[in-house]
Amino acid sequence: MIEVSGLSVTYGRGMPDVINNMSFDLDRGCVLNILGQNAAGKTTLIRTLTRELRGYRGSVRIAGREITDYSIRDYARVVGVVSTSFSTYQNLLVADYLMTGFVSQMAPLSKPSDEYAQKAFDILERFSKQDLFNKQIDQLSSGERQIVMIARVLLQDPDVVIVDEPTANLDVRNQIAVLNEIRRLSSEGYTVVVTSHNPGHARVMGGKTLIMGAGMYTFGDTNQILCEETLSGYYGLDVAMRSIDSFECMVFRDGARDGVELVF
């Protein structure tokens, strides 16, 4: 479904590559977790997949076609992007925002039909959030906004869903709700690409994981990537796998005997 071959990306002539000779394949219906420290290139990869950065070297193919060969309309039919910003839509009702998900399916200058309005309402019912339909965007909580953004992308009916940091600024309950929806998308046949700063999220998502570092990357099955050796190498921390009260956990610390431990 997604084929990346020899991908290299730089932000200017003479500048070092942020991504260097990256290759991986992702099948339909799979989740790809993208992990790595800040400045490892995660956002650069997402911006390449979403066609914000077009001057890359190598090949990026989705559904068998180079992404630069798609028209804007055709690309929107194949790839749905869950935006990280609502700034453009603050004054819209949720109903109107959801309607923008149908743009790639509508004739130019046409208005959404009653059928589209019903589909928009129905997609919120799927999330048990139909009460949000007539609310204004700026009245929503962070968790509600994430659900509404995912709902809008599903109205595009794409094959691939790209989600950049879906749990940022969410409390634990809303993190679980959003991760459940992402896993549900995969089970329904969507190919999902998701970035996270939390290796524990990759663990519960399963599928494939791409972990990125300065000029390097490792790609493979999530249960193989999330091991002590790989995580220690990419995060520069001591990492241990432990069983804690019947839970299998990943424990991160900076080496200090009395330092803080983070458990995922």
Protein backbone atom coordinates (compact mmCIF):
# COMPACT_ATOMS: atom_id res chain seq x y z
CA MET A 1 0.00 0.00 0.00
CA ILE A 2 2.87 2.37 0.87
CA GLU A 3 6.25 1.80 -0.75
CA VAL A 4 9.18 4.03 0.22
CA SER A 5 12.41 3.39 -1.65
CA GLY A 6 15.72 5.20 -1.24
CA LEU A 7 14.04 8.25 0.28
CA SER A 8 16.35 11.15 1.14
CA VAL A 9 15.10 14.57 2.23
CA THR A 10 16.98 17.81 2.90
CA TYR A 11 15.76 21.33 3.59
CA GLY A 12 18.20 23.10 1.30
CA ARG A 13 21.16 22.79 -1.03
CA GLY A 14 24.33 21.94 0.85
CA MET A 15 22.43 21.02 4.02
CA PRO A 16 22.67 17.49 5.45
CA ASP A 17 19.89 14.99 4.79
CA VAL A 18 17.26 14.82 7.51
CA ILE A 19 16.19 11.46 6.08
CA ASN A 20 18.90 9.43 4.33
CA ASN A 21 18.20 6.52 1.96
CA MET A 22 15.12 5.21 3.79
CA SER A 23 13.18 2.23 2.42
CA PHE A 24 10.17 0.33 3.77
CA ASP A 25 6.91 -1.26 2.58
CA LEU A 26 3.58 -1.20 4.36
CA ASP A 27 0.68 -3.50 3.50
CA ARG A 28 -2.97 -2.50 3.35
CA GLY A 29 -4.65 -2.56 6.75
CA CYS A 30 -1.40 -2.28 8.72
CA VAL A 31 -0.46 0.29 11.37
CA LEU A 32 2.92 2.01 11.08
CA ASN A 33 4.16 3.53 14.34
CA ILE A 34 6.85 6.18 13.87
CA LEU A 35 9.04 6.74 16.93
CA GLY A 36 12.19 8.69 17.72
CA GLN A 37 13.62 11.60 19.66
CA ASN A 38 12.86 15.22 18.78
CA ALA A 39 14.57 16.30 15.54
CA ALA A 40 14.93 12.67 14.41
CA GLY A 41 12.97 13.38 11.21
CA LYS A 42 9.49 12.11 12.13
CA THR A 43 7.75 15.32 11.11
CA THR A 44 9.86 15.54 7.96
CA LEU A 45 8.68 12.06 6.95
CA ILE A 46 5.05 12.97 7.63
CA ARG A 47 5.41 16.19 5.62
CA THR A 48 6.83 14.15 2.76
CA LEU A 49 4.02 11.58 2.86
CA THR A 50 1.44 14.39 2.91
CA ARG A 51 3.16 16.14 -0.03
CA GLU A 52 4.12 19.28 1.87
CA LEU A 53 7.74 18.54 0.97
CA ARG A 54 8.06 17.64 -2.70
CA GLY A 55 11.78 17.99 -3.43
CA TYR A 56 12.75 14.59 -2.09
CA ARG A 57 15.05 12.06 -3.74
CA GLY A 58 13.98 8.46 -4.19
CA SER A 59 10.44 7.14 -4.51
CA VAL A 60 7.29 7.34 -2.39
CA ARG A 61 4.40 5.35 -3.83
CA ILE A 62 0.91 4.97 -2.39
CA ALA A 63 -1.51 2.50 -3.98
CA GLY A 64 1.09 1.84 -6.67
CA ARG A 65 1.47 5.46 -7.76
CA GLU A 66 4.14 8.07 -7.03
CA ILE A 67 2.58 10.62 -4.70
CA THR A 68 3.72 13.57 -6.83
CA ASP A 69 1.70 12.16 -9.76
CA TYR A 70 -1.63 12.54 -7.95
CA SER A 71 -3.85 15.57 -8.46
CA ILE A 72 -4.93 17.26 -5.24
CA ARG A 73 -8.43 15.81 -5.60
CA ASP A 74 -7.25 12.28 -6.37
CA TYR A 75 -4.73 12.33 -3.53
CA ALA A 76 -7.48 13.33 -1.08
CA ARG A 77 -9.45 10.28 -2.17
CA VAL A 78 -6.57 7.97 -1.32
CA VAL A 79 -4.94 9.65 1.71
CA GLY A 80 -6.66 11.27 4.66
CA VAL A 81 -4.60 13.46 6.99
CA VAL A 82 -5.66 14.16 10.56
CA SER A 83 -4.47 17.74 10.95
CA THR A 84 -2.66 18.92 14.06
CA SER A 85 -4.33 22.34 13.92
CA PHE A 86 -7.88 23.63 14.03
CA SER A 87 -6.87 27.27 13.63
CA THR A 88 -8.60 27.66 10.26
CA TYR A 89 -11.87 26.22 11.57
CA GLN A 90 -12.28 27.78 15.03
CA ASN A 91 -15.53 29.57 14.15
CA LEU A 92 -17.18 26.65 12.35
CA LEU A 93 -19.78 24.31 13.70
CA VAL A 94 -18.68 20.69 13.88
CA ALA A 95 -21.32 19.89 11.24
CA ASP A 96 -19.78 22.38 8.79
CA TYR A 97 -16.26 21.19 9.53
CA LEU A 98 -17.25 17.58 8.86
CA MET A 99 -18.76 18.63 5.53
CA THR A 100 -15.32 19.71 4.32
CA GLY A 101 -14.46 16.01 4.28
CA PHE A 102 -16.64 15.59 1.20
CA VAL A 103 -14.86 18.21 -0.94
CA SER A 104 -12.96 15.65 -3.02
CA GLN A 105 -16.26 13.88 -3.83
CA MET A 106 -18.26 16.97 -4.82
CA ALA A 107 -18.48 18.80 -8.14
CA PRO A 108 -16.82 22.24 -8.17
CA LEU A 109 -19.00 25.03 -6.65
CA SER A 110 -21.66 22.55 -5.51
CA LYS A 111 -23.11 22.50 -1.99
CA PRO A 112 -23.26 19.50 0.33
CA SER A 113 -26.51 17.57 0.01
CA ASP A 114 -28.77 16.36 2.81
CA GLU A 115 -27.28 12.92 2.22
CA TYR A 116 -23.83 14.27 3.11
CA ALA A 117 -25.24 15.91 6.25
CA GLN A 118 -26.72 12.58 7.33
CA LYS A 119 -23.41 10.80 6.71
CA ALA A 120 -21.63 13.41 8.82
CA PHE A 121 -24.09 12.88 11.67
CA ASP A 122 -23.81 9.09 11.33
CA ILE A 123 -20.02 9.16 11.58
CA LEU A 124 -20.29 10.93 14.93
CA GLU A 125 -22.72 8.24 16.08
CA ARG A 126 -20.01 5.69 15.37
CA PHE A 127 -17.93 7.44 18.03
CA SER A 128 -20.96 8.01 20.31
CA LYS A 129 -20.32 11.75 19.88
CA GLN A 130 -23.44 12.83 17.97
CA ASP A 131 -24.07 15.48 20.63
CA LEU A 132 -21.13 17.42 19.15
CA PHE A 133 -22.80 17.89 15.76
CA ASN A 134 -24.11 21.41 16.42
CA LYS A 135 -21.32 22.57 18.72
CA GLN A 136 -18.76 25.14 17.69
CA ILE A 137 -15.19 23.92 17.18
CA ASP A 138 -13.74 26.20 19.87
CA GLN A 139 -16.16 24.72 22.43
CA LEU A 140 -14.65 21.23 22.15
CA SER A 141 -12.19 19.61 24.51
CA SER A 142 -8.87 18.36 23.14
CA GLY A 143 -10.14 14.77 23.11
CA GLU A 144 -13.34 15.75 21.32
CA ARG A 145 -11.35 17.63 18.70
CA GLN A 146 -9.21 14.61 17.96
CA ILE A 147 -12.29 12.41 17.52
CA VAL A 148 -13.92 15.00 15.24
CA MET A 149 -10.76 15.27 13.13
CA ILE A 150 -10.62 11.49 12.71
CA ALA A 151 -14.33 11.46 11.83
CA ARG A 152 -13.79 14.07 9.13
CA VAL A 153 -10.99 12.05 7.55
CA LEU A 154 -13.19 8.95 7.45
CA LEU A 155 -15.79 10.91 5.46
CA GLN A 156 -13.15 11.27 2.72
CA ASP A 157 -13.24 7.44 2.51
CA PRO A 158 -9.45 7.17 1.98
CA ASP A 159 -7.28 4.05 1.89
CA VAL A 160 -4.53 5.56 4.06
CA VAL A 161 -4.97 7.63 7.24
CA ILE A 162 -2.00 9.68 8.49
CA VAL A 163 -2.15 10.87 12.09
CA ASP A 164 0.60 13.06 13.56
CA GLU A 165 0.84 12.86 17.37
CA PRO A 166 -2.82 11.97 17.96
CA THR A 167 -2.53 11.85 21.76
CA ALA A 168 -0.63 15.09 22.32
CA ASN A 169 -2.19 17.14 25.16
CA LEU A 170 -4.77 14.45 25.95
CA ASP A 171 -5.49 12.99 29.37
CA VAL A 172 -5.15 9.23 29.84
CA ARG A 173 -8.84 8.45 29.22
CA ASN A 174 -8.86 10.37 25.93
CA GLN A 175 -5.53 8.83 24.89
CA ILE A 176 -7.08 5.39 25.29
CA ALA A 177 -10.19 6.43 23.33
CA VAL A 178 -8.14 7.78 20.41
CA LEU A 179 -5.78 4.79 20.33
CA ASN A 180 -8.77 2.44 20.32
CA GLU A 181 -10.15 4.26 17.29
CA ILE A 182 -6.82 4.06 15.45
CA ARG A 183 -6.61 0.34 16.10
CA ARG A 184 -10.20 -0.02 14.97
CA LEU A 185 -9.37 1.73 11.68
CA SER A 186 -6.66 -0.83 11.00
CA SER A 187 -9.05 -3.71 11.73
CA GLU A 188 -11.44 -2.23 9.16
CA GLY A 189 -8.79 -2.26 6.43
CA TYR A 190 -7.40 1.26 6.62
CA THR A 191 -3.63 1.63 6.44
CA VAL A 192 -2.69 3.92 9.34
CA VAL A 193 0.52 5.91 9.82
CA VAL A 194 0.87 7.42 13.29
CA THR A 195 3.68 9.29 15.05
CA SER A 196 4.17 9.22 18.80
CA HIS A 197 6.66 10.14 21.51
CA ASN A 198 5.43 7.22 23.60
CA PRO A 199 6.86 3.76 22.77
CA GLY A 200 4.07 2.27 24.87
CA HIS A 201 1.56 3.46 22.31
CA ALA A 202 3.40 1.58 19.58
CA ARG A 203 3.31 -1.51 21.74
CA VAL A 204 -0.46 -1.51 22.02
CA MET A 205 -0.92 -0.64 18.33
CA GLY A 206 1.24 -3.54 17.13
CA GLY A 207 1.76 -3.73 13.37
CA LYS A 208 5.05 -2.25 12.15
CA THR A 209 7.32 0.30 13.80
CA LEU A 210 9.79 2.70 12.23
CA ILE A 211 12.18 4.18 14.78
CA MET A 212 14.25 7.14 13.59
CA GLY A 213 17.50 8.72 14.77
CA ALA A 214 20.06 11.16 13.39
CA GLY A 215 20.73 9.84 9.89
CA MET A 216 19.55 6.32 10.68
CA TYR A 217 16.38 4.28 11.05
CA THR A 218 15.19 0.76 11.88
CA PHE A 219 11.97 -0.74 10.50
CA GLY A 220 10.25 -4.02 11.31
CA ASP A 221 7.59 -5.81 13.31
CA THR A 222 6.74 -3.81 16.42
CA ASN A 223 7.38 -6.70 18.81
CA GLN A 224 10.92 -6.99 17.41
CA ILE A 225 11.71 -3.26 17.28
CA LEU A 226 10.64 -2.63 20.88
CA CYS A 227 13.57 -4.40 22.49
CA GLU A 228 16.14 -3.17 25.00
CA GLU A 229 19.03 -2.95 22.52
CA THR A 230 17.17 -0.97 19.84
CA LEU A 231 15.40 1.41 22.21
CA SER A 232 18.59 2.09 24.18
CA GLY A 233 20.48 2.86 20.99
CA TYR A 234 17.92 5.29 19.59
CA TYR A 235 16.96 7.10 22.80
CA GLY A 236 20.40 7.15 24.44
CA LEU A 237 18.93 5.82 27.69
CA ASP A 238 19.09 2.66 29.76
CA VAL A 239 16.07 0.56 28.78
CA ALA A 240 14.89 -2.58 30.53
CA MET A 241 11.94 -4.89 29.95
CA ARG A 242 10.32 -5.80 33.26
CA SER A 243 7.30 -7.65 34.56
CA ILE A 244 5.52 -5.42 37.06
CA ASP A 245 2.36 -6.78 38.73
CA SER A 246 1.74 -9.11 35.75
CA PHE A 247 2.25 -6.24 33.25
CA GLU A 248 5.11 -6.37 30.72
CA CYS A 249 6.67 -2.90 30.86
CA MET A 250 9.43 -0.88 29.21
CA VAL A 251 11.46 1.09 31.77
CA PHE A 252 13.56 4.08 30.66
CA ARG A 253 16.16 5.92 32.76
CA ASP A 254 19.23 8.07 32.14
CA GLY A 255 21.64 5.86 34.07
CA ALA A 256 21.60 7.68 37.39
CA ARG A 257 20.94 5.24 40.23
CA ASP A 258 18.49 7.57 41.95
CA GLY A 259 17.16 9.18 38.75
CA VAL A 260 13.61 9.20 37.49
CA GLU A 261 12.33 6.10 35.70
CA LEU A 262 9.65 6.28 33.05
CA VAL A 263 7.54 3.17 32.67
CA PHE A 264 5.53 2.43 29.53
